[in-house]
Amino acid sequence: MRAIPLPVRQRIIQLYEQGKSTRDISEFLGFCVAAVRRVRQQFKQRGTLQPQTHLCGRKTLLTGGRKARLQKLVAAQPDATLAELGARMDRPFRTSTMDLWLRKLVLCP
């Protein structure tokens, strides 16, 4: 789901300031009541209308400690397979994860 555009968010706040109800605003702008209410609540809490899209999505499992461990494993045994590297981490990881991490760390072409 995409964030509500900034001009629409500004319009929602303007309509609230004019005394319009949440239901009226949602019907007028074509958004659900919950979305309109959420814009107003977030504006009150954060003081800005900018969407927080950078907080969306899954967080990486490649922590600083895992980066260091993976780099040490590769340095100790450069010809290790992805399966071997995945099995030697602090918990088992699949070969696809190891491949992604090695590419991210530029340890393989």
PDB file of N, CA and C in Angstrom:
ATOM      1  N   MET A   1       0.843  -1.175   0.000  1.00  0.00           N
ATOM      2  CA  MET A   1       0.000   0.000   0.000  1.00  0.00           C
ATOM      3  C   MET A   1       0.890   1.241   0.000  1.00  0.00           C
ATOM      4  N   ARG A   2       0.581   2.191  -0.845  1.00  0.00           N
ATOM      5  CA  ARG A   2       1.360   3.413  -0.953  1.00  0.00           C
ATOM      6  C   ARG A   2       0.897   4.434   0.077  1.00  0.00           C
ATOM      7  N   ALA A   3       1.798   5.332   0.407  1.00  0.00           N
ATOM      8  CA  ALA A   3       1.488   6.407   1.346  1.00  0.00           C
ATOM      9  C   ALA A   3       0.573   7.428   0.676  1.00  0.00           C
ATOM     10  N   ILE A   4      -0.235   8.087   1.477  1.00  0.00           N
ATOM     11  CA  ILE A   4      -1.093   9.162   0.976  1.00  0.00           C
ATOM     12  C   ILE A   4      -0.182  10.325   0.584  1.00  0.00           C
ATOM     13  N   PRO A   5      -0.343  10.888  -0.611  1.00  0.00           N
ATOM     14  CA  PRO A   5       0.528  11.983  -1.063  1.00  0.00           C
ATOM     15  C   PRO A   5       0.488  13.183  -0.116  1.00  0.00           C
ATOM     16  N   LEU A   6       1.577  13.906  -0.043  1.00  0.00           N
ATOM     17  CA  LEU A   6       1.719  15.040   0.855  1.00  0.00           C
ATOM     18  C   LEU A   6       0.655  16.127   0.638  1.00  0.00           C
ATOM     19  N   PRO A   7       0.331  16.507  -0.613  1.00  0.00           N
ATOM     20  CA  PRO A   7      -0.716  17.531  -0.798  1.00  0.00           C
ATOM     21  C   PRO A   7      -2.080  17.077  -0.233  1.00  0.00           C
ATOM     22  N   VAL A   8      -2.369  15.795  -0.343  1.00  0.00           N
ATOM     23  CA  VAL A   8      -3.637  15.280   0.195  1.00  0.00           C
ATOM     24  C   VAL A   8      -3.594  15.317   1.718  1.00  0.00           C
ATOM     25  N   ARG A   9      -2.456  14.990   2.299  1.00  0.00           N
ATOM     26  CA  ARG A   9      -2.306  15.047   3.756  1.00  0.00           C
ATOM     27  C   ARG A   9      -2.523  16.484   4.250  1.00  0.00           C
ATOM     28  N   GLN A  10      -1.964  17.447   3.511  1.00  0.00           N
ATOM     29  CA  GLN A  10      -2.137  18.852   3.886  1.00  0.00           C
ATOM     30  C   GLN A  10      -3.612  19.242   3.818  1.00  0.00           C
ATOM     31  N   ARG A  11      -4.283  18.762   2.799  1.00  0.00           N
ATOM     32  CA  ARG A  11      -5.718  19.067   2.639  1.00  0.00           C
ATOM     33  C   ARG A  11      -6.534  18.461   3.773  1.00  0.00           C
ATOM     34  N   ILE A  12      -6.164  17.251   4.204  1.00  0.00           N
ATOM     35  CA  ILE A  12      -6.866  16.604   5.325  1.00  0.00           C
ATOM     36  C   ILE A  12      -6.759  17.473   6.570  1.00  0.00           C
ATOM     37  N   ILE A  13      -5.572  17.963   6.872  1.00  0.00           N
ATOM     38  CA  ILE A  13      -5.365  18.797   8.055  1.00  0.00           C
ATOM     39  C   ILE A  13      -6.131  20.114   7.921  1.00  0.00           C
ATOM     40  N   GLN A  14      -6.138  20.698   6.722  1.00  0.00           N
ATOM     41  CA  GLN A  14      -6.894  21.942   6.496  1.00  0.00           C
ATOM     42  C   GLN A  14      -8.375  21.723   6.769  1.00  0.00           C
ATOM     43  N   LEU A  15      -8.901  20.621   6.274  1.00  0.00           N
ATOM     44  CA  LEU A  15     -10.321  20.337   6.474  1.00  0.00           C
ATOM     45  C   LEU A  15     -10.641  20.092   7.946  1.00  0.00           C
ATOM     46  N   TYR A  16      -9.740  19.443   8.665  1.00  0.00           N
ATOM     47  CA  TYR A  16      -9.928  19.265  10.110  1.00  0.00           C
ATOM     48  C   TYR A  16      -9.967  20.620  10.813  1.00  0.00           C
ATOM     49  N   GLU A  17      -9.062  21.511  10.425  1.00  0.00           N
ATOM     50  CA  GLU A  17      -8.993  22.834  11.036  1.00  0.00           C
ATOM     51  C   GLU A  17     -10.234  23.668  10.733  1.00  0.00           C
ATOM     52  N   GLN A  18     -10.906  23.349   9.623  1.00  0.00           N
ATOM     53  CA  GLN A  18     -12.152  24.038   9.275  1.00  0.00           C
ATOM     54  C   GLN A  18     -13.349  23.440   9.999  1.00  0.00           C
ATOM     55  N   GLY A  19     -13.123  22.400  10.777  1.00  0.00           N
ATOM     56  CA  GLY A  19     -14.193  21.817  11.579  1.00  0.00           C
ATOM     57  C   GLY A  19     -14.921  20.647  10.932  1.00  0.00           C
ATOM     58  N   LYS A  20     -14.413  20.141   9.825  1.00  0.00           N
ATOM     59  CA  LYS A  20     -15.040  18.995   9.151  1.00  0.00           C
ATOM     60  C   LYS A  20     -14.808  17.726   9.965  1.00  0.00           C
ATOM     61  N   SER A  21     -15.737  16.800   9.871  1.00  0.00           N
ATOM     62  CA  SER A  21     -15.603  15.532  10.590  1.00  0.00           C
ATOM     63  C   SER A  21     -14.745  14.560   9.780  1.00  0.00           C
ATOM     64  N   THR A  22     -14.260  13.548  10.478  1.00  0.00           N
ATOM     65  CA  THR A  22     -13.430  12.533   9.827  1.00  0.00           C
ATOM     66  C   THR A  22     -14.199  11.852   8.704  1.00  0.00           C
ATOM     67  N   ARG A  23     -15.441  11.532   8.959  1.00  0.00           N
ATOM     68  CA  ARG A  23     -16.266  10.857   7.952  1.00  0.00           C
ATOM     69  C   ARG A  23     -16.469  11.744   6.725  1.00  0.00           C
ATOM     70  N   ASP A  24     -16.749  13.033   6.951  1.00  0.00           N
ATOM     71  CA  ASP A  24     -16.939  13.965   5.826  1.00  0.00           C
ATOM     72  C   ASP A  24     -15.671  14.071   4.975  1.00  0.00           C
ATOM     73  N   ILE A  25     -14.532  14.169   5.648  1.00  0.00           N
ATOM     74  CA  ILE A  25     -13.257  14.288   4.933  1.00  0.00           C
ATOM     75  C   ILE A  25     -12.976  13.022   4.130  1.00  0.00           C
ATOM     76  N   SER A  26     -13.228  11.863   4.741  1.00  0.00           N
ATOM     77  CA  SER A  26     -12.950  10.601   4.040  1.00  0.00           C
ATOM     78  C   SER A  26     -13.839  10.447   2.814  1.00  0.00           C
ATOM     79  N   GLU A  27     -15.094  10.824   2.923  1.00  0.00           N
ATOM     80  CA  GLU A  27     -16.001  10.735   1.779  1.00  0.00           C
ATOM     81  C   GLU A  27     -15.609  11.741   0.690  1.00  0.00           C
ATOM     82  N   PHE A  28     -15.218  12.942   1.090  1.00  0.00           N
ATOM     83  CA  PHE A  28     -14.851  13.991   0.152  1.00  0.00           C
ATOM     84  C   PHE A  28     -13.584  13.627  -0.635  1.00  0.00           C
ATOM     85  N   LEU A  29     -12.584  13.057   0.071  1.00  0.00           N
ATOM     86  CA  LEU A  29     -11.298  12.759  -0.565  1.00  0.00           C
ATOM     87  C   LEU A  29     -11.199  11.337  -1.112  1.00  0.00           C
ATOM     88  N   GLY A  30     -12.120  10.472  -0.749  1.00  0.00           N
ATOM     89  CA  GLY A  30     -12.117   9.110  -1.273  1.00  0.00           C
ATOM     90  C   GLY A  30     -11.190   8.144  -0.551  1.00  0.00           C
ATOM     91  N   PHE A  31     -10.869   8.444   0.709  1.00  0.00           N
ATOM     92  CA  PHE A  31     -10.068   7.539   1.521  1.00  0.00           C
ATOM     93  C   PHE A  31     -10.938   6.967   2.630  1.00  0.00           C
ATOM     94  N   CYS A  32     -10.493   5.874   3.210  1.00  0.00           N
ATOM     95  CA  CYS A  32     -11.264   5.292   4.307  1.00  0.00           C
ATOM     96  C   CYS A  32     -11.108   6.169   5.552  1.00  0.00           C
ATOM     97  N   VAL A  33     -12.057   6.028   6.459  1.00  0.00           N
ATOM     98  CA  VAL A  33     -12.074   6.822   7.682  1.00  0.00           C
ATOM     99  C   VAL A  33     -10.787   6.606   8.481  1.00  0.00           C
ATOM    100  N   ALA A  34     -10.333   5.352   8.555  1.00  0.00           N
ATOM    101  CA  ALA A  34      -9.137   5.027   9.338  1.00  0.00           C
ATOM    102  C   ALA A  34      -7.901   5.732   8.785  1.00  0.00           C
ATOM    103  N   ALA A  35      -7.770   5.822   7.474  1.00  0.00           N
ATOM    104  CA  ALA A  35      -6.609   6.482   6.862  1.00  0.00           C
ATOM    105  C   ALA A  35      -6.605   7.973   7.181  1.00  0.00           C
ATOM    106  N   VAL A  36      -7.754   8.594   7.101  1.00  0.00           N
ATOM    107  CA  VAL A  36      -7.864  10.023   7.394  1.00  0.00           C
ATOM    108  C   VAL A  36      -7.551  10.279   8.869  1.00  0.00           C
ATOM    109  N   ARG A  37      -8.087   9.447   9.731  1.00  0.00           N
ATOM    110  CA  ARG A  37      -7.827   9.578  11.165  1.00  0.00           C
ATOM    111  C   ARG A  37      -6.340   9.388  11.474  1.00  0.00           C
ATOM    112  N   ARG A  38      -5.726   8.431  10.808  1.00  0.00           N
ATOM    113  CA  ARG A  38      -4.308   8.134  11.028  1.00  0.00           C
ATOM    114  C   ARG A  38      -3.424   9.323  10.634  1.00  0.00           C
ATOM    115  N   VAL A  39      -3.761  10.004   9.539  1.00  0.00           N
ATOM    116  CA  VAL A  39      -2.991  11.180   9.111  1.00  0.00           C
ATOM    117  C   VAL A  39      -3.033  12.237  10.206  1.00  0.00           C
ATOM    118  N   ARG A  40      -4.197  12.463  10.752  1.00  0.00           N
ATOM    119  CA  ARG A  40      -4.349  13.474  11.800  1.00  0.00           C
ATOM    120  C   ARG A  40      -3.600  13.072  13.061  1.00  0.00           C
ATOM    121  N   GLN A  41      -3.698  11.802  13.453  1.00  0.00           N
ATOM    122  CA  GLN A  41      -3.011  11.327  14.654  1.00  0.00           C
ATOM    123  C   GLN A  41      -1.496  11.419  14.492  1.00  0.00           C
ATOM    124  N   GLN A  42      -0.990  11.026  13.332  1.00  0.00           N
ATOM    125  CA  GLN A  42       0.454  11.091  13.098  1.00  0.00           C
ATOM    126  C   GLN A  42       0.944  12.534  13.086  1.00  0.00           C
ATOM    127  N   PHE A  43       0.134  13.433  12.557  1.00  0.00           N
ATOM    128  CA  PHE A  43       0.510  14.843  12.550  1.00  0.00           C
ATOM    129  C   PHE A  43       0.595  15.374  13.977  1.00  0.00           C
ATOM    130  N   LYS A  44      -0.343  14.995  14.818  1.00  0.00           N
ATOM    131  CA  LYS A  44      -0.325  15.412  16.219  1.00  0.00           C
ATOM    132  C   LYS A  44       0.901  14.849  16.947  1.00  0.00           C
ATOM    133  N   GLN A  45       1.217  13.587  16.699  1.00  0.00           N
ATOM    134  CA  GLN A  45       2.315  12.927  17.403  1.00  0.00           C
ATOM    135  C   GLN A  45       3.677  13.412  16.929  1.00  0.00           C
ATOM    136  N   ARG A  46       3.861  13.496  15.617  1.00  0.00           N
ATOM    137  CA  ARG A  46       5.185  13.776  15.055  1.00  0.00           C
ATOM    138  C   ARG A  46       5.390  15.237  14.671  1.00  0.00           C
ATOM    139  N   GLY A  47       4.303  15.965  14.440  1.00  0.00           N
ATOM    140  CA  GLY A  47       4.420  17.356  14.048  1.00  0.00           C
ATOM    141  C   GLY A  47       4.785  17.562  12.588  1.00  0.00           C
ATOM    142  N   THR A  48       4.729  16.507  11.796  1.00  0.00           N
ATOM    143  CA  THR A  48       5.040  16.610  10.371  1.00  0.00           C
ATOM    144  C   THR A  48       4.056  15.748   9.585  1.00  0.00           C
ATOM    145  N   LEU A  49       3.892  16.100   8.323  1.00  0.00           N
ATOM    146  CA  LEU A  49       2.997  15.324   7.461  1.00  0.00           C
ATOM    147  C   LEU A  49       3.759  14.350   6.575  1.00  0.00           C
ATOM    148  N   GLN A  50       5.088  14.350   6.661  1.00  0.00           N
ATOM    149  CA  GLN A  50       5.889  13.453   5.835  1.00  0.00           C
ATOM    150  C   GLN A  50       5.590  11.997   6.193  1.00  0.00           C
ATOM    151  N   PRO A  51       5.354  11.130   5.204  1.00  0.00           N
ATOM    152  CA  PRO A  51       5.119   9.715   5.494  1.00  0.00           C
ATOM    153  C   PRO A  51       6.399   9.051   5.982  1.00  0.00           C
ATOM    154  N   GLN A  52       6.258   8.013   6.786  1.00  0.00           N
ATOM    155  CA  GLN A  52       7.412   7.290   7.315  1.00  0.00           C
ATOM    156  C   GLN A  52       7.619   6.000   6.539  1.00  0.00           C
ATOM    157  N   THR A  53       7.805   6.136   5.238  1.00  0.00           N
ATOM    158  CA  THR A  53       7.949   4.947   4.401  1.00  0.00           C
ATOM    159  C   THR A  53       9.272   4.233   4.638  1.00  0.00           C
ATOM    160  N   HIS A  54      10.271   4.915   5.192  1.00  0.00           N
ATOM    161  CA  HIS A  54      11.561   4.284   5.449  1.00  0.00           C
ATOM    162  C   HIS A  54      11.482   3.242   6.563  1.00  0.00           C
ATOM    163  N   LEU A  55      10.400   3.234   7.321  1.00  0.00           N
ATOM    164  CA  LEU A  55      10.249   2.263   8.405  1.00  0.00           C
ATOM    165  C   LEU A  55       9.529   0.997   7.956  1.00  0.00           C
ATOM    166  N   CYS A  56       9.133   0.971   6.701  1.00  0.00           N
ATOM    167  CA  CYS A  56       8.387  -0.172   6.192  1.00  0.00           C
ATOM    168  C   CYS A  56       9.336  -1.285   5.754  1.00  0.00           C
ATOM    169  N   GLY A  57       8.806  -2.455   5.669  1.00  0.00           N
ATOM    170  CA  GLY A  57       9.565  -3.573   5.141  1.00  0.00           C
ATOM    171  C   GLY A  57      10.262  -4.392   6.207  1.00  0.00           C
ATOM    172  N   ARG A  58      10.780  -5.486   5.775  1.00  0.00           N
ATOM    173  CA  ARG A  58      11.440  -6.417   6.669  1.00  0.00           C
ATOM    174  C   ARG A  58      12.853  -5.933   7.010  1.00  0.00           C
ATOM    175  N   LYS A  59      13.221  -6.092   8.265  1.00  0.00           N
ATOM    176  CA  LYS A  59      14.549  -5.700   8.710  1.00  0.00           C
ATOM    177  C   LYS A  59      15.548  -6.798   8.363  1.00  0.00           C
ATOM    178  N   THR A  60      16.779  -6.416   8.046  1.00  0.00           N
ATOM    179  CA  THR A  60      17.794  -7.370   7.648  1.00  0.00           C
ATOM    180  C   THR A  60      18.283  -8.189   8.837  1.00  0.00           C
ATOM    181  N   LEU A  61      18.651  -9.409   8.567  1.00  0.00           N
ATOM    182  CA  LEU A  61      19.237 -10.275   9.584  1.00  0.00           C
ATOM    183  C   LEU A  61      20.761 -10.167   9.590  1.00  0.00           C
ATOM    184  N   LEU A  62      21.291  -9.398   8.669  1.00  0.00           N
ATOM    185  CA  LEU A  62      22.741  -9.229   8.573  1.00  0.00           C
ATOM    186  C   LEU A  62      23.179  -8.123   9.538  1.00  0.00           C
ATOM    187  N   THR A  63      23.374  -8.489  10.783  1.00  0.00           N
ATOM    188  CA  THR A  63      23.788  -7.549  11.817  1.00  0.00           C
ATOM    189  C   THR A  63      25.293  -7.326  11.744  1.00  0.00           C
ATOM    190  N   GLY A  64      25.769  -6.403  12.531  1.00  0.00           N
ATOM    191  CA  GLY A  64      27.201  -6.131  12.557  1.00  0.00           C
ATOM    192  C   GLY A  64      28.015  -7.343  12.982  1.00  0.00           C
ATOM    193  N   GLY A  65      27.516  -8.064  13.986  1.00  0.00           N
ATOM    194  CA  GLY A  65      28.210  -9.263  14.441  1.00  0.00           C
ATOM    195  C   GLY A  65      28.247 -10.348  13.384  1.00  0.00           C
ATOM    196  N   ARG A  66      27.171 -10.502  12.658  1.00  0.00           N
ATOM    197  CA  ARG A  66      27.124 -11.511  11.593  1.00  0.00           C
ATOM    198  C   ARG A  66      28.019 -11.120  10.425  1.00  0.00           C
ATOM    199  N   LYS A  67      28.102  -9.826  10.137  1.00  0.00           N
ATOM    200  CA  LYS A  67      29.022  -9.377   9.079  1.00  0.00           C
ATOM    201  C   LYS A  67      30.451  -9.760   9.439  1.00  0.00           C
ATOM    202  N   ALA A  68      30.822  -9.454  10.688  1.00  0.00           N
ATOM    203  CA  ALA A  68      32.188  -9.744  11.127  1.00  0.00           C
ATOM    204  C   ALA A  68      32.455 -11.248  11.090  1.00  0.00           C
ATOM    205  N   ARG A  69      31.498 -12.045  11.549  1.00  0.00           N
ATOM    206  CA  ARG A  69      31.674 -13.506  11.557  1.00  0.00           C
ATOM    207  C   ARG A  69      31.815 -14.028  10.128  1.00  0.00           C
ATOM    208  N   LEU A  70      30.975 -13.556   9.231  1.00  0.00           N
ATOM    209  CA  LEU A  70      31.027 -14.009   7.843  1.00  0.00           C
ATOM    210  C   LEU A  70      32.365 -13.632   7.197  1.00  0.00           C
ATOM    211  N   GLN A  71      32.845 -12.435   7.460  1.00  0.00           N
ATOM    212  CA  GLN A  71      34.135 -12.018   6.911  1.00  0.00           C
ATOM    213  C   GLN A  71      35.270 -12.885   7.446  1.00  0.00           C
ATOM    214  N   LYS A  72      35.210 -13.239   8.731  1.00  0.00           N
ATOM    215  CA  LYS A  72      36.234 -14.115   9.307  1.00  0.00           C
ATOM    216  C   LYS A  72      36.174 -15.508   8.701  1.00  0.00           C
ATOM    217  N   LEU A  73      34.957 -16.023   8.510  1.00  0.00           N
ATOM    218  CA  LEU A  73      34.804 -17.356   7.919  1.00  0.00           C
ATOM    219  C   LEU A  73      35.363 -17.396   6.499  1.00  0.00           C
ATOM    220  N   VAL A  74      35.073 -16.376   5.718  1.00  0.00           N
ATOM    221  CA  VAL A  74      35.558 -16.331   4.339  1.00  0.00           C
ATOM    222  C   VAL A  74      37.076 -16.167   4.305  1.00  0.00           C
ATOM    223  N   ALA A  75      37.608 -15.353   5.213  1.00  0.00           N
ATOM    224  CA  ALA A  75      39.066 -15.157   5.262  1.00  0.00           C
ATOM    225  C   ALA A  75      39.776 -16.456   5.654  1.00  0.00           C
ATOM    226  N   ALA A  76      39.169 -17.204   6.582  1.00  0.00           N
ATOM    227  CA  ALA A  76      39.782 -18.454   7.043  1.00  0.00           C
ATOM    228  C   ALA A  76      39.695 -19.553   5.988  1.00  0.00           C
ATOM    229  N   GLN A  77      38.588 -19.582   5.256  1.00  0.00           N
ATOM    230  CA  GLN A  77      38.401 -20.624   4.240  1.00  0.00           C
ATOM    231  C   GLN A  77      37.711 -20.012   3.017  1.00  0.00           C
ATOM    232  N   PRO A  78      38.476 -19.405   2.119  1.00  0.00           N
ATOM    233  CA  PRO A  78      37.892 -18.717   0.962  1.00  0.00           C
ATOM    234  C   PRO A  78      37.150 -19.635  -0.004  1.00  0.00           C
ATOM    235  N   ASP A  79      37.464 -20.943   0.008  1.00  0.00           N
ATOM    236  CA  ASP A  79      36.803 -21.858  -0.919  1.00  0.00           C
ATOM    237  C   ASP A  79      35.600 -22.574  -0.291  1.00  0.00           C
ATOM    238  N   ALA A  80      35.126 -22.109   0.858  1.00  0.00           N
ATOM    239  CA  ALA A  80      33.963 -22.719   1.510  1.00  0.00           C
ATOM    240  C   ALA A  80      32.717 -22.523   0.643  1.00  0.00           C
ATOM    241  N   THR A  81      31.844 -23.510   0.666  1.00  0.00           N
ATOM    242  CA  THR A  81      30.595 -23.403  -0.090  1.00  0.00           C
ATOM    243  C   THR A  81      29.611 -22.529   0.683  1.00  0.00           C
ATOM    244  N   LEU A  82      28.581 -22.095  -0.001  1.00  0.00           N
ATOM    245  CA  LEU A  82      27.550 -21.296   0.650  1.00  0.00           C
ATOM    246  C   LEU A  82      26.881 -22.080   1.764  1.00  0.00           C
ATOM    247  N   ALA A  83      26.662 -23.372   1.541  1.00  0.00           N
ATOM    248  CA  ALA A  83      26.044 -24.222   2.562  1.00  0.00           C
ATOM    249  C   ALA A  83      26.932 -24.319   3.797  1.00  0.00           C
ATOM    250  N   GLU A  84      28.236 -24.449   3.590  1.00  0.00           N
ATOM    251  CA  GLU A  84      29.167 -24.528   4.712  1.00  0.00           C
ATOM    252  C   GLU A  84      29.172 -23.218   5.509  1.00  0.00           C
ATOM    253  N   LEU A  85      29.199 -22.111   4.812  1.00  0.00           N
ATOM    254  CA  LEU A  85      29.174 -20.818   5.493  1.00  0.00           C
ATOM    255  C   LEU A  85      27.884 -20.634   6.282  1.00  0.00           C
ATOM    256  N   GLY A  86      26.777 -20.999   5.666  1.00  0.00           N
ATOM    257  CA  GLY A  86      25.484 -20.871   6.341  1.00  0.00           C
ATOM    258  C   GLY A  86      25.390 -21.723   7.595  1.00  0.00           C
ATOM    259  N   ALA A  87      25.993 -22.907   7.560  1.00  0.00           N
ATOM    260  CA  ALA A  87      25.961 -23.812   8.714  1.00  0.00           C
ATOM    261  C   ALA A  87      26.864 -23.328   9.840  1.00  0.00           C
ATOM    262  N   ARG A  88      27.865 -22.532   9.530  1.00  0.00           N
ATOM    263  CA  ARG A  88      28.834 -22.078  10.540  1.00  0.00           C
ATOM    264  C   ARG A  88      28.476 -20.741  11.186  1.00  0.00           C
ATOM    265  N   MET A  89      27.385 -20.164  10.784  1.00  0.00           N
ATOM    266  CA  MET A  89      26.959 -18.904  11.395  1.00  0.00           C
ATOM    267  C   MET A  89      26.354 -19.198  12.773  1.00  0.00           C
ATOM    268  N   ASP A  90      25.935 -18.145  13.493  1.00  0.00           N
ATOM    269  CA  ASP A  90      25.385 -18.325  14.832  1.00  0.00           C
ATOM    270  C   ASP A  90      24.071 -19.113  14.829  1.00  0.00           C
ATOM    271  N   ARG A  91      23.449 -19.189  13.681  1.00  0.00           N
ATOM    272  CA  ARG A  91      22.291 -20.057  13.440  1.00  0.00           C
ATOM    273  C   ARG A  91      22.341 -20.424  11.972  1.00  0.00           C
ATOM    274  N   PRO A  92      21.709 -21.512  11.573  1.00  0.00           N
ATOM    275  CA  PRO A  92      21.802 -21.913  10.164  1.00  0.00           C
ATOM    276  C   PRO A  92      21.069 -20.937   9.230  1.00  0.00           C
ATOM    277  N   PHE A  93      21.720 -20.635   8.104  1.00  0.00           N
ATOM    278  CA  PHE A  93      21.119 -19.804   7.071  1.00  0.00           C
ATOM    279  C   PHE A  93      21.192 -20.544   5.746  1.00  0.00           C
ATOM    280  N   ARG A  94      20.232 -20.279   4.869  1.00  0.00           N
ATOM    281  CA  ARG A  94      20.176 -20.945   3.573  1.00  0.00           C
ATOM    282  C   ARG A  94      21.241 -20.392   2.631  1.00  0.00           C
ATOM    283  N   THR A  95      21.494 -21.152   1.590  1.00  0.00           N
ATOM    284  CA  THR A  95      22.520 -20.755   0.625  1.00  0.00           C
ATOM    285  C   THR A  95      22.151 -19.447  -0.080  1.00  0.00           C
ATOM    286  N   SER A  96      20.873 -19.234  -0.328  1.00  0.00           N
ATOM    287  CA  SER A  96      20.451 -17.993  -0.992  1.00  0.00           C
ATOM    288  C   SER A  96      20.753 -16.782  -0.112  1.00  0.00           C
ATOM    289  N   THR A  97      20.591 -16.936   1.189  1.00  0.00           N
ATOM    290  CA  THR A  97      20.899 -15.845   2.114  1.00  0.00           C
ATOM    291  C   THR A  97      22.391 -15.575   2.128  1.00  0.00           C
ATOM    292  N   MET A  98      23.175 -16.628   2.171  1.00  0.00           N
ATOM    293  CA  MET A  98      24.632 -16.462   2.165  1.00  0.00           C
ATOM    294  C   MET A  98      25.101 -15.788   0.878  1.00  0.00           C
ATOM    295  N   ASP A  99      24.526 -16.178  -0.242  1.00  0.00           N
ATOM    296  CA  ASP A  99      24.873 -15.573  -1.528  1.00  0.00           C
ATOM    297  C   ASP A  99      24.551 -14.078  -1.512  1.00  0.00           C
ATOM    298  N   LEU A 100      23.387 -13.723  -1.037  1.00  0.00           N
ATOM    299  CA  LEU A 100      22.973 -12.322  -0.960  1.00  0.00           C
ATOM    300  C   LEU A 100      23.919 -11.524  -0.069  1.00  0.00           C
ATOM    301  N   TRP A 101      24.244 -12.076   1.090  1.00  0.00           N
ATOM    302  CA  TRP A 101      25.118 -11.371   2.025  1.00  0.00           C
ATOM    303  C   TRP A 101      26.528 -11.215   1.475  1.00  0.00           C
ATOM    304  N   LEU A 102      27.051 -12.254   0.838  1.00  0.00           N
ATOM    305  CA  LEU A 102      28.386 -12.146   0.278  1.00  0.00           C
ATOM    306  C   LEU A 102      28.443 -11.095  -0.814  1.00  0.00           C
ATOM    307  N   ARG A 103      27.414 -11.039  -1.629  1.00  0.00           N
ATOM    308  CA  ARG A 103      27.360 -10.005  -2.674  1.00  0.00           C
ATOM    309  C   ARG A 103      27.244  -8.620  -2.054  1.00  0.00           C
ATOM    310  N   LYS A 104      26.467  -8.498  -0.992  1.00  0.00           N
ATOM    311  CA  LYS A 104      26.304  -7.219  -0.316  1.00  0.00           C
ATOM    312  C   LYS A 104      27.625  -6.747   0.301  1.00  0.00           C
ATOM    313  N   LEU A 105      28.389  -7.686   0.835  1.00  0.00           N
ATOM    314  CA  LEU A 105      29.681  -7.370   1.440  1.00  0.00           C
ATOM    315  C   LEU A 105      30.823  -7.342   0.415  1.00  0.00           C
ATOM    316  N   VAL A 106      30.501  -7.568  -0.852  1.00  0.00           N
ATOM    317  CA  VAL A 106      31.449  -7.594  -1.970  1.00  0.00           C
ATOM    318  C   VAL A 106      32.582  -8.598  -1.673  1.00  0.00           C
ATOM    319  N   LEU A 107      32.189  -9.759  -1.164  1.00  0.00           N
ATOM    320  CA  LEU A 107      33.158 -10.817  -0.926  1.00  0.00           C
ATOM    321  C   LEU A 107      33.148 -11.845  -2.035  1.00  0.00           C
ATOM    322  N   CYS A 108      32.212 -11.720  -2.952  1.00  0.00           N
ATOM    323  CA  CYS A 108      32.192 -12.609  -4.129  1.00  0.00           C
ATOM    324  C   CYS A 108      31.703 -11.790  -5.322  1.00  0.00           C
ATOM    325  N   PRO A 109      32.073 -12.223  -6.546  1.00  0.00           N
ATOM    326  CA  PRO A 109      31.663 -11.469  -7.747  1.00  0.00           C
ATOM    327  C   PRO A 109      30.194 -11.647  -8.080  1.00  0.00           C
TER     328      PRO A 109
END
